[in-house]
Amino acid sequence: MALSFDLVLASEVTPDDALRLVGGLTGGQVTAAGELVVGDAVVVTGAVVDDSDSREAYRDAWGFDVAVSLGFSIGPGEDDPGGRHAAEDTVAAAAACVAAHLDADAGFRLLGGTKLFLRRDGLLTLYFGWRPWNEPAVLARVPAPYTIEPAPAPD
């Protein structure tokens, strides 16, 4: 089963530019189909959030207006826990770095609703409980300043 994550950004960056930024951080390559492929485990897609229902749902969930969404997927072939952990670590660090690089309000969650971080007004809050936030090698790649706090109650 694939793991999927959603990074939402208040930045007016284009999805293509956001994908290129992730590619620069991870060594991934954008395909002719417009997806970013990182190694053999992670695929990233981007989209403008332009319909009012989605914008309202994101505003309710995160507290800010979302312009762009990046979807990160760790392929179903990543059954090896070590490979899956490495892919999660790449996704975690890349998502945090993109938000900081764009200096954007951002929210990052596991699809299904578990919030993993929120970046507002330049401060990144990582939500305790997700394995990558316990890894010193991942935290070393997360731009400061950040705090680690308990996750908010589910929506």
N, C-alpha and C. Protein backbone atom coordinates (compact mmCIF):
# COMPACT_ATOMS: atom_id res chain seq x y z
N MET A 1 0.84 -1.18 0.00
CA MET A 1 0.00 0.00 0.00
C MET A 1 0.88 1.25 0.00
N ALA A 2 0.58 2.19 -0.86
CA ALA A 2 1.36 3.42 -0.97
C ALA A 2 1.02 4.36 0.19
N LEU A 3 2.05 5.05 0.67
CA LEU A 3 1.84 6.13 1.64
C LEU A 3 1.75 7.42 0.86
N SER A 4 0.79 8.27 1.20
CA SER A 4 0.62 9.53 0.51
C SER A 4 0.57 10.67 1.51
N PHE A 5 1.19 11.77 1.11
CA PHE A 5 1.29 12.97 1.94
C PHE A 5 0.86 14.17 1.10
N ASP A 6 0.36 15.19 1.78
CA ASP A 6 -0.10 16.41 1.12
C ASP A 6 0.60 17.60 1.76
N LEU A 7 1.32 18.38 0.95
CA LEU A 7 1.93 19.62 1.40
C LEU A 7 1.16 20.75 0.74
N VAL A 8 0.59 21.63 1.53
CA VAL A 8 -0.14 22.78 0.99
C VAL A 8 0.61 24.04 1.34
N LEU A 9 0.63 24.96 0.38
CA LEU A 9 1.43 26.17 0.50
C LEU A 9 0.60 27.41 0.21
N ALA A 10 0.85 28.47 0.95
CA ALA A 10 0.18 29.74 0.70
C ALA A 10 0.92 30.55 -0.35
N SER A 11 2.01 30.04 -0.86
CA SER A 11 2.82 30.72 -1.86
C SER A 11 2.16 30.66 -3.23
N GLU A 12 2.36 31.68 -4.02
CA GLU A 12 1.84 31.70 -5.38
C GLU A 12 2.82 31.08 -6.37
N VAL A 13 3.73 30.26 -5.90
CA VAL A 13 4.66 29.55 -6.77
C VAL A 13 3.86 28.64 -7.70
N THR A 14 4.37 28.43 -8.90
CA THR A 14 3.68 27.50 -9.80
C THR A 14 3.99 26.07 -9.36
N PRO A 15 3.10 25.14 -9.65
CA PRO A 15 3.41 23.74 -9.32
C PRO A 15 4.71 23.26 -9.97
N ASP A 16 4.97 23.66 -11.22
CA ASP A 16 6.21 23.25 -11.88
C ASP A 16 7.43 23.78 -11.15
N ASP A 17 7.39 25.04 -10.72
CA ASP A 17 8.53 25.60 -9.97
C ASP A 17 8.69 24.90 -8.62
N ALA A 18 7.57 24.58 -7.98
CA ALA A 18 7.65 23.87 -6.70
C ALA A 18 8.26 22.48 -6.89
N LEU A 19 7.87 21.80 -7.97
CA LEU A 19 8.44 20.47 -8.24
C LEU A 19 9.94 20.57 -8.52
N ARG A 20 10.34 21.59 -9.27
CA ARG A 20 11.77 21.77 -9.54
C ARG A 20 12.53 22.05 -8.24
N LEU A 21 11.92 22.80 -7.35
CA LEU A 21 12.55 23.07 -6.05
C LEU A 21 12.72 21.77 -5.27
N VAL A 22 11.68 20.94 -5.20
CA VAL A 22 11.79 19.65 -4.52
C VAL A 22 12.87 18.81 -5.19
N GLY A 23 12.91 18.82 -6.52
CA GLY A 23 13.92 18.07 -7.26
C GLY A 23 15.33 18.51 -6.90
N GLY A 24 15.52 19.82 -6.77
CA GLY A 24 16.83 20.33 -6.39
C GLY A 24 17.24 19.91 -4.99
N LEU A 25 16.27 19.76 -4.11
CA LEU A 25 16.55 19.35 -2.73
C LEU A 25 16.79 17.85 -2.60
N THR A 26 16.20 17.08 -3.51
CA THR A 26 16.22 15.62 -3.36
C THR A 26 17.01 14.89 -4.44
N GLY A 27 17.38 15.61 -5.50
CA GLY A 27 18.03 14.95 -6.62
C GLY A 27 17.05 14.30 -7.57
N GLY A 28 15.76 14.54 -7.37
CA GLY A 28 14.74 13.96 -8.24
C GLY A 28 14.69 14.62 -9.60
N GLN A 29 14.04 13.94 -10.52
CA GLN A 29 13.91 14.43 -11.90
C GLN A 29 12.44 14.55 -12.28
N VAL A 30 12.08 15.66 -12.94
CA VAL A 30 10.72 15.84 -13.44
C VAL A 30 10.59 15.07 -14.75
N THR A 31 9.54 14.26 -14.84
CA THR A 31 9.29 13.46 -16.04
C THR A 31 8.51 14.27 -17.07
N ALA A 32 8.40 13.71 -18.27
CA ALA A 32 7.61 14.35 -19.33
C ALA A 32 6.15 14.46 -18.92
N ALA A 33 5.69 13.58 -18.03
CA ALA A 33 4.31 13.61 -17.55
C ALA A 33 4.09 14.67 -16.47
N GLY A 34 5.17 15.36 -16.06
CA GLY A 34 5.04 16.42 -15.08
C GLY A 34 5.11 15.96 -13.64
N GLU A 35 5.55 14.72 -13.41
CA GLU A 35 5.75 14.22 -12.05
C GLU A 35 7.23 14.28 -11.72
N LEU A 36 7.51 14.48 -10.45
CA LEU A 36 8.89 14.43 -9.98
C LEU A 36 9.12 13.04 -9.41
N VAL A 37 10.16 12.39 -9.87
CA VAL A 37 10.50 11.05 -9.37
C VAL A 37 11.82 11.16 -8.62
N VAL A 38 11.79 10.69 -7.38
CA VAL A 38 12.97 10.71 -6.52
C VAL A 38 13.36 9.26 -6.26
N GLY A 39 14.50 8.85 -6.80
CA GLY A 39 14.92 7.46 -6.67
C GLY A 39 13.87 6.55 -7.28
N ASP A 40 13.69 5.40 -6.67
CA ASP A 40 12.67 4.49 -7.16
C ASP A 40 11.50 4.38 -6.20
N ALA A 41 11.42 5.31 -5.23
CA ALA A 41 10.41 5.17 -4.19
C ALA A 41 9.41 6.32 -4.11
N VAL A 42 9.81 7.54 -4.46
CA VAL A 42 8.96 8.70 -4.19
C VAL A 42 8.55 9.37 -5.50
N VAL A 43 7.26 9.69 -5.60
CA VAL A 43 6.73 10.45 -6.72
C VAL A 43 6.02 11.67 -6.14
N VAL A 44 6.28 12.84 -6.74
CA VAL A 44 5.68 14.09 -6.27
C VAL A 44 4.92 14.73 -7.43
N THR A 45 3.70 15.15 -7.15
CA THR A 45 2.89 15.85 -8.14
C THR A 45 2.50 17.21 -7.56
N GLY A 46 2.16 18.13 -8.43
CA GLY A 46 1.77 19.46 -7.99
C GLY A 46 0.52 19.94 -8.67
N ALA A 47 -0.24 20.78 -7.98
CA ALA A 47 -1.46 21.34 -8.55
C ALA A 47 -1.77 22.69 -7.93
N VAL A 48 -2.36 23.55 -8.72
CA VAL A 48 -2.90 24.80 -8.21
C VAL A 48 -4.21 24.47 -7.51
N VAL A 49 -4.44 25.06 -6.36
CA VAL A 49 -5.70 24.89 -5.65
C VAL A 49 -6.56 26.08 -6.02
N ASP A 50 -7.47 25.85 -6.96
CA ASP A 50 -8.24 26.99 -7.46
C ASP A 50 -9.74 26.85 -7.30
N ASP A 51 -10.23 25.69 -6.89
CA ASP A 51 -11.68 25.61 -6.71
C ASP A 51 -12.05 26.03 -5.29
N SER A 52 -13.17 26.70 -5.16
CA SER A 52 -13.54 27.32 -3.89
C SER A 52 -13.79 26.29 -2.79
N ASP A 53 -14.34 25.12 -3.11
CA ASP A 53 -14.58 24.11 -2.07
C ASP A 53 -13.27 23.62 -1.46
N SER A 54 -12.27 23.35 -2.31
CA SER A 54 -10.98 22.90 -1.80
C SER A 54 -10.30 23.99 -0.99
N ARG A 55 -10.36 25.22 -1.49
CA ARG A 55 -9.74 26.33 -0.75
C ARG A 55 -10.38 26.49 0.63
N GLU A 56 -11.70 26.37 0.68
CA GLU A 56 -12.39 26.51 1.95
C GLU A 56 -12.03 25.37 2.90
N ALA A 57 -11.98 24.15 2.39
CA ALA A 57 -11.62 23.00 3.23
C ALA A 57 -10.20 23.15 3.77
N TYR A 58 -9.27 23.57 2.93
CA TYR A 58 -7.90 23.79 3.39
C TYR A 58 -7.83 24.93 4.41
N ARG A 59 -8.57 26.00 4.18
CA ARG A 59 -8.58 27.12 5.13
C ARG A 59 -9.10 26.65 6.48
N ASP A 60 -10.17 25.83 6.47
CA ASP A 60 -10.71 25.31 7.72
C ASP A 60 -9.69 24.41 8.43
N ALA A 61 -8.97 23.60 7.65
CA ALA A 61 -8.01 22.65 8.23
C ALA A 61 -6.75 23.33 8.73
N TRP A 62 -6.26 24.34 8.00
CA TRP A 62 -4.94 24.89 8.29
C TRP A 62 -4.95 26.33 8.79
N GLY A 63 -6.01 27.07 8.52
CA GLY A 63 -6.08 28.46 9.00
C GLY A 63 -5.47 29.48 8.08
N PHE A 64 -5.18 29.11 6.84
CA PHE A 64 -4.66 30.06 5.86
C PHE A 64 -5.15 29.67 4.47
N ASP A 65 -5.04 30.62 3.54
CA ASP A 65 -5.46 30.37 2.16
C ASP A 65 -4.36 29.62 1.42
N VAL A 66 -4.73 28.51 0.83
CA VAL A 66 -3.79 27.64 0.12
C VAL A 66 -3.84 27.94 -1.37
N ALA A 67 -2.67 28.05 -1.98
CA ALA A 67 -2.58 28.31 -3.42
C ALA A 67 -2.12 27.09 -4.21
N VAL A 68 -1.21 26.30 -3.62
CA VAL A 68 -0.59 25.17 -4.32
C VAL A 68 -0.56 23.96 -3.38
N SER A 69 -0.76 22.80 -3.97
CA SER A 69 -0.68 21.55 -3.23
C SER A 69 0.33 20.63 -3.91
N LEU A 70 1.19 20.02 -3.11
CA LEU A 70 2.12 19.02 -3.61
C LEU A 70 1.76 17.68 -2.97
N GLY A 71 1.59 16.67 -3.80
CA GLY A 71 1.30 15.34 -3.31
C GLY A 71 2.55 14.48 -3.37
N PHE A 72 2.95 13.92 -2.25
CA PHE A 72 4.11 13.03 -2.17
C PHE A 72 3.57 11.61 -1.99
N SER A 73 4.08 10.69 -2.77
CA SER A 73 3.66 9.30 -2.65
C SER A 73 4.89 8.40 -2.58
N ILE A 74 4.86 7.51 -1.59
CA ILE A 74 5.91 6.50 -1.47
C ILE A 74 5.31 5.23 -2.03
N GLY A 75 5.91 4.72 -3.09
CA GLY A 75 5.35 3.63 -3.86
C GLY A 75 5.07 2.36 -3.08
N PRO A 76 4.13 1.58 -3.59
CA PRO A 76 3.75 0.34 -2.92
C PRO A 76 4.88 -0.68 -2.92
N GLY A 77 5.90 -0.49 -3.75
CA GLY A 77 7.04 -1.40 -3.78
C GLY A 77 7.96 -1.22 -2.59
N GLU A 78 7.72 -0.21 -1.77
CA GLU A 78 8.58 0.06 -0.63
C GLU A 78 8.13 -0.74 0.59
N ASP A 79 8.16 -2.07 0.45
CA ASP A 79 7.76 -2.94 1.56
C ASP A 79 8.87 -3.13 2.58
N ASP A 80 10.11 -2.91 2.17
CA ASP A 80 11.25 -3.02 3.07
C ASP A 80 11.20 -1.84 4.05
N PRO A 81 11.11 -2.10 5.36
CA PRO A 81 11.02 -0.99 6.32
C PRO A 81 12.16 0.00 6.20
N GLY A 82 13.39 -0.47 5.94
CA GLY A 82 14.51 0.45 5.80
C GLY A 82 14.33 1.37 4.60
N GLY A 83 13.89 0.82 3.48
CA GLY A 83 13.63 1.63 2.30
C GLY A 83 12.48 2.61 2.49
N ARG A 84 11.44 2.15 3.16
CA ARG A 84 10.29 3.02 3.44
C ARG A 84 10.71 4.14 4.37
N HIS A 85 11.49 3.82 5.39
CA HIS A 85 11.95 4.86 6.33
C HIS A 85 12.82 5.89 5.61
N ALA A 86 13.70 5.44 4.74
CA ALA A 86 14.54 6.37 3.99
C ALA A 86 13.69 7.27 3.11
N ALA A 87 12.67 6.71 2.47
CA ALA A 87 11.78 7.51 1.63
C ALA A 87 11.00 8.51 2.47
N GLU A 88 10.49 8.08 3.63
CA GLU A 88 9.78 9.00 4.52
C GLU A 88 10.70 10.13 4.97
N ASP A 89 11.94 9.80 5.29
CA ASP A 89 12.90 10.82 5.73
C ASP A 89 13.13 11.85 4.63
N THR A 90 13.25 11.38 3.39
CA THR A 90 13.42 12.28 2.25
C THR A 90 12.22 13.19 2.10
N VAL A 91 11.03 12.63 2.19
CA VAL A 91 9.79 13.41 2.06
C VAL A 91 9.68 14.43 3.19
N ALA A 92 9.95 14.01 4.42
CA ALA A 92 9.84 14.91 5.58
C ALA A 92 10.75 16.12 5.43
N ALA A 93 12.02 15.88 5.14
CA ALA A 93 12.98 16.98 5.02
C ALA A 93 12.65 17.86 3.82
N ALA A 94 12.28 17.26 2.69
CA ALA A 94 11.97 18.05 1.50
C ALA A 94 10.77 18.95 1.73
N ALA A 95 9.71 18.44 2.35
CA ALA A 95 8.52 19.25 2.60
C ALA A 95 8.85 20.45 3.49
N ALA A 96 9.59 20.21 4.56
CA ALA A 96 9.96 21.31 5.46
C ALA A 96 10.84 22.33 4.76
N CYS A 97 11.78 21.85 3.95
CA CYS A 97 12.69 22.76 3.24
C CYS A 97 11.98 23.59 2.19
N VAL A 98 11.03 23.01 1.49
CA VAL A 98 10.27 23.75 0.47
C VAL A 98 9.51 24.89 1.14
N ALA A 99 8.82 24.60 2.24
CA ALA A 99 8.07 25.64 2.94
C ALA A 99 8.98 26.77 3.41
N ALA A 100 10.14 26.42 3.95
CA ALA A 100 11.09 27.44 4.43
C ALA A 100 11.68 28.22 3.26
N HIS A 101 12.07 27.52 2.20
CA HIS A 101 12.67 28.19 1.05
C HIS A 101 11.71 29.20 0.43
N LEU A 102 10.45 28.84 0.36
CA LEU A 102 9.44 29.74 -0.21
C LEU A 102 8.96 30.77 0.81
N ASP A 103 9.39 30.62 2.07
CA ASP A 103 8.94 31.48 3.17
C ASP A 103 7.42 31.58 3.17
N ALA A 104 6.78 30.39 3.08
CA ALA A 104 5.33 30.32 2.94
C ALA A 104 4.69 29.67 4.16
N ASP A 105 3.49 30.12 4.47
CA ASP A 105 2.68 29.34 5.39
C ASP A 105 2.45 28.00 4.71
N ALA A 106 2.50 26.92 5.48
CA ALA A 106 2.39 25.60 4.88
C ALA A 106 1.84 24.61 5.90
N GLY A 107 1.17 23.60 5.37
CA GLY A 107 0.69 22.50 6.19
C GLY A 107 1.08 21.20 5.51
N PHE A 108 1.43 20.21 6.31
CA PHE A 108 1.88 18.92 5.78
C PHE A 108 1.19 17.83 6.57
N ARG A 109 0.57 16.90 5.85
CA ARG A 109 -0.16 15.83 6.53
C ARG A 109 -0.09 14.53 5.76
N LEU A 110 -0.28 13.47 6.49
CA LEU A 110 -0.47 12.16 5.91
C LEU A 110 -1.89 12.15 5.38
N LEU A 111 -2.08 11.72 4.14
CA LEU A 111 -3.45 11.68 3.63
C LEU A 111 -4.27 10.77 4.53
N GLY A 112 -5.42 11.23 4.86
CA GLY A 112 -6.24 10.57 5.85
C GLY A 112 -6.40 11.48 7.06
N GLY A 113 -5.56 12.53 7.11
CA GLY A 113 -5.80 13.57 8.08
C GLY A 113 -4.76 13.84 9.13
N THR A 114 -3.81 12.94 9.41
CA THR A 114 -2.84 13.18 10.47
C THR A 114 -1.91 14.32 10.09
N LYS A 115 -1.98 15.40 10.86
CA LYS A 115 -1.12 16.56 10.59
C LYS A 115 0.28 16.28 11.08
N LEU A 116 1.27 16.60 10.22
CA LEU A 116 2.66 16.32 10.54
C LEU A 116 3.46 17.58 10.81
N PHE A 117 3.11 18.70 10.15
CA PHE A 117 3.69 19.99 10.52
C PHE A 117 2.82 21.12 10.04
N LEU A 118 3.02 22.27 10.67
CA LEU A 118 2.38 23.52 10.28
C LEU A 118 3.46 24.59 10.32
N ARG A 119 3.53 25.38 9.27
CA ARG A 119 4.46 26.52 9.25
C ARG A 119 3.61 27.76 9.10
N ARG A 120 3.69 28.65 10.09
CA ARG A 120 2.95 29.92 10.07
C ARG A 120 3.88 31.03 10.49
N ASP A 121 3.84 32.12 9.74
CA ASP A 121 4.61 33.32 10.08
C ASP A 121 6.08 33.01 10.35
N GLY A 122 6.64 32.09 9.57
CA GLY A 122 8.06 31.79 9.67
C GLY A 122 8.45 30.76 10.71
N LEU A 123 7.49 30.29 11.53
CA LEU A 123 7.80 29.30 12.55
C LEU A 123 7.23 27.95 12.15
N LEU A 124 8.08 26.96 12.12
CA LEU A 124 7.70 25.60 11.77
C LEU A 124 7.44 24.80 13.05
N THR A 125 6.25 24.21 13.13
CA THR A 125 5.90 23.35 14.25
C THR A 125 5.76 21.93 13.73
N LEU A 126 6.65 21.06 14.18
CA LEU A 126 6.60 19.64 13.83
C LEU A 126 5.75 18.96 14.88
N TYR A 127 4.85 18.09 14.44
CA TYR A 127 3.97 17.42 15.38
C TYR A 127 4.55 16.08 15.80
N PHE A 128 4.79 15.97 17.09
CA PHE A 128 5.41 14.80 17.70
C PHE A 128 4.61 13.54 17.36
N GLY A 129 5.33 12.47 17.19
CA GLY A 129 4.68 11.18 16.98
C GLY A 129 4.98 10.56 15.64
N TRP A 130 5.46 11.34 14.68
CA TRP A 130 5.81 10.76 13.39
C TRP A 130 7.29 10.38 13.44
N ARG A 131 7.63 9.16 13.08
CA ARG A 131 8.98 8.64 13.21
C ARG A 131 10.08 9.57 12.69
N PRO A 132 9.97 10.19 11.50
CA PRO A 132 11.08 11.04 11.03
C PRO A 132 11.43 12.19 11.98
N TRP A 133 10.46 12.69 12.75
CA TRP A 133 10.78 13.80 13.65
C TRP A 133 11.59 13.33 14.85
N ASN A 134 11.80 12.02 14.99
CA ASN A 134 12.65 11.47 16.05
C ASN A 134 14.05 11.14 15.54
N GLU A 135 14.29 11.38 14.28
CA GLU A 135 15.56 11.01 13.66
C GLU A 135 16.49 12.22 13.60
N PRO A 136 17.62 12.18 14.30
CA PRO A 136 18.56 13.31 14.26
C PRO A 136 19.00 13.68 12.84
N ALA A 137 19.18 12.70 11.96
CA ALA A 137 19.61 12.99 10.59
C ALA A 137 18.55 13.77 9.83
N VAL A 138 17.28 13.51 10.10
CA VAL A 138 16.19 14.27 9.46
C VAL A 138 16.13 15.67 10.05
N LEU A 139 16.15 15.76 11.37
CA LEU A 139 16.06 17.07 12.03
C LEU A 139 17.22 17.97 11.65
N ALA A 140 18.37 17.40 11.36
CA ALA A 140 19.52 18.19 10.93
C ALA A 140 19.27 18.85 9.59
N ARG A 141 18.36 18.29 8.79
CA ARG A 141 18.04 18.85 7.47
C ARG A 141 16.85 19.81 7.51
N VAL A 142 16.12 19.86 8.63
CA VAL A 142 14.96 20.73 8.77
C VAL A 142 15.44 22.13 9.13
N PRO A 143 15.03 23.14 8.36
CA PRO A 143 15.49 24.50 8.63
C PRO A 143 14.96 25.04 9.98
N ALA A 144 15.83 25.67 10.71
CA ALA A 144 15.45 26.34 11.96
C ALA A 144 14.83 27.69 11.60
N PRO A 145 13.98 28.25 12.42
CA PRO A 145 13.56 27.73 13.72
C PRO A 145 12.40 26.75 13.57
N TYR A 146 12.36 25.78 14.47
CA TYR A 146 11.22 24.89 14.55
C TYR A 146 11.03 24.47 15.99
N THR A 147 9.81 24.02 16.28
CA THR A 147 9.50 23.44 17.58
C THR A 147 8.86 22.09 17.31
N ILE A 148 8.87 21.25 18.32
CA ILE A 148 8.18 19.97 18.24
C ILE A 148 7.13 19.97 19.33
N GLU A 149 5.88 19.77 18.94
CA GLU A 149 4.76 19.83 19.86
C GLU A 149 3.83 18.66 19.63
N PRO A 150 2.95 18.39 20.59
CA PRO A 150 1.94 17.36 20.37
C PRO A 150 1.06 17.73 19.17
N ALA A 151 0.61 16.71 18.48
CA ALA A 151 -0.28 16.95 17.33
C ALA A 151 -1.61 17.52 17.79
N PRO A 152 -2.20 18.38 16.98
CA PRO A 152 -3.52 18.90 17.33
C PRO A 152 -4.56 17.78 17.23
N ALA A 153 -5.69 18.00 17.85
CA ALA A 153 -6.79 17.03 17.77
C ALA A 153 -7.21 16.90 16.31
N PRO A 154 -7.59 15.70 15.88
CA PRO A 154 -8.03 15.53 14.49
C PRO A 154 -9.22 16.42 14.16
N ASP A 155 -9.27 16.81 12.88
CA ASP A 155 -10.38 17.67 12.43
C ASP A 155 -11.69 16.93 12.43
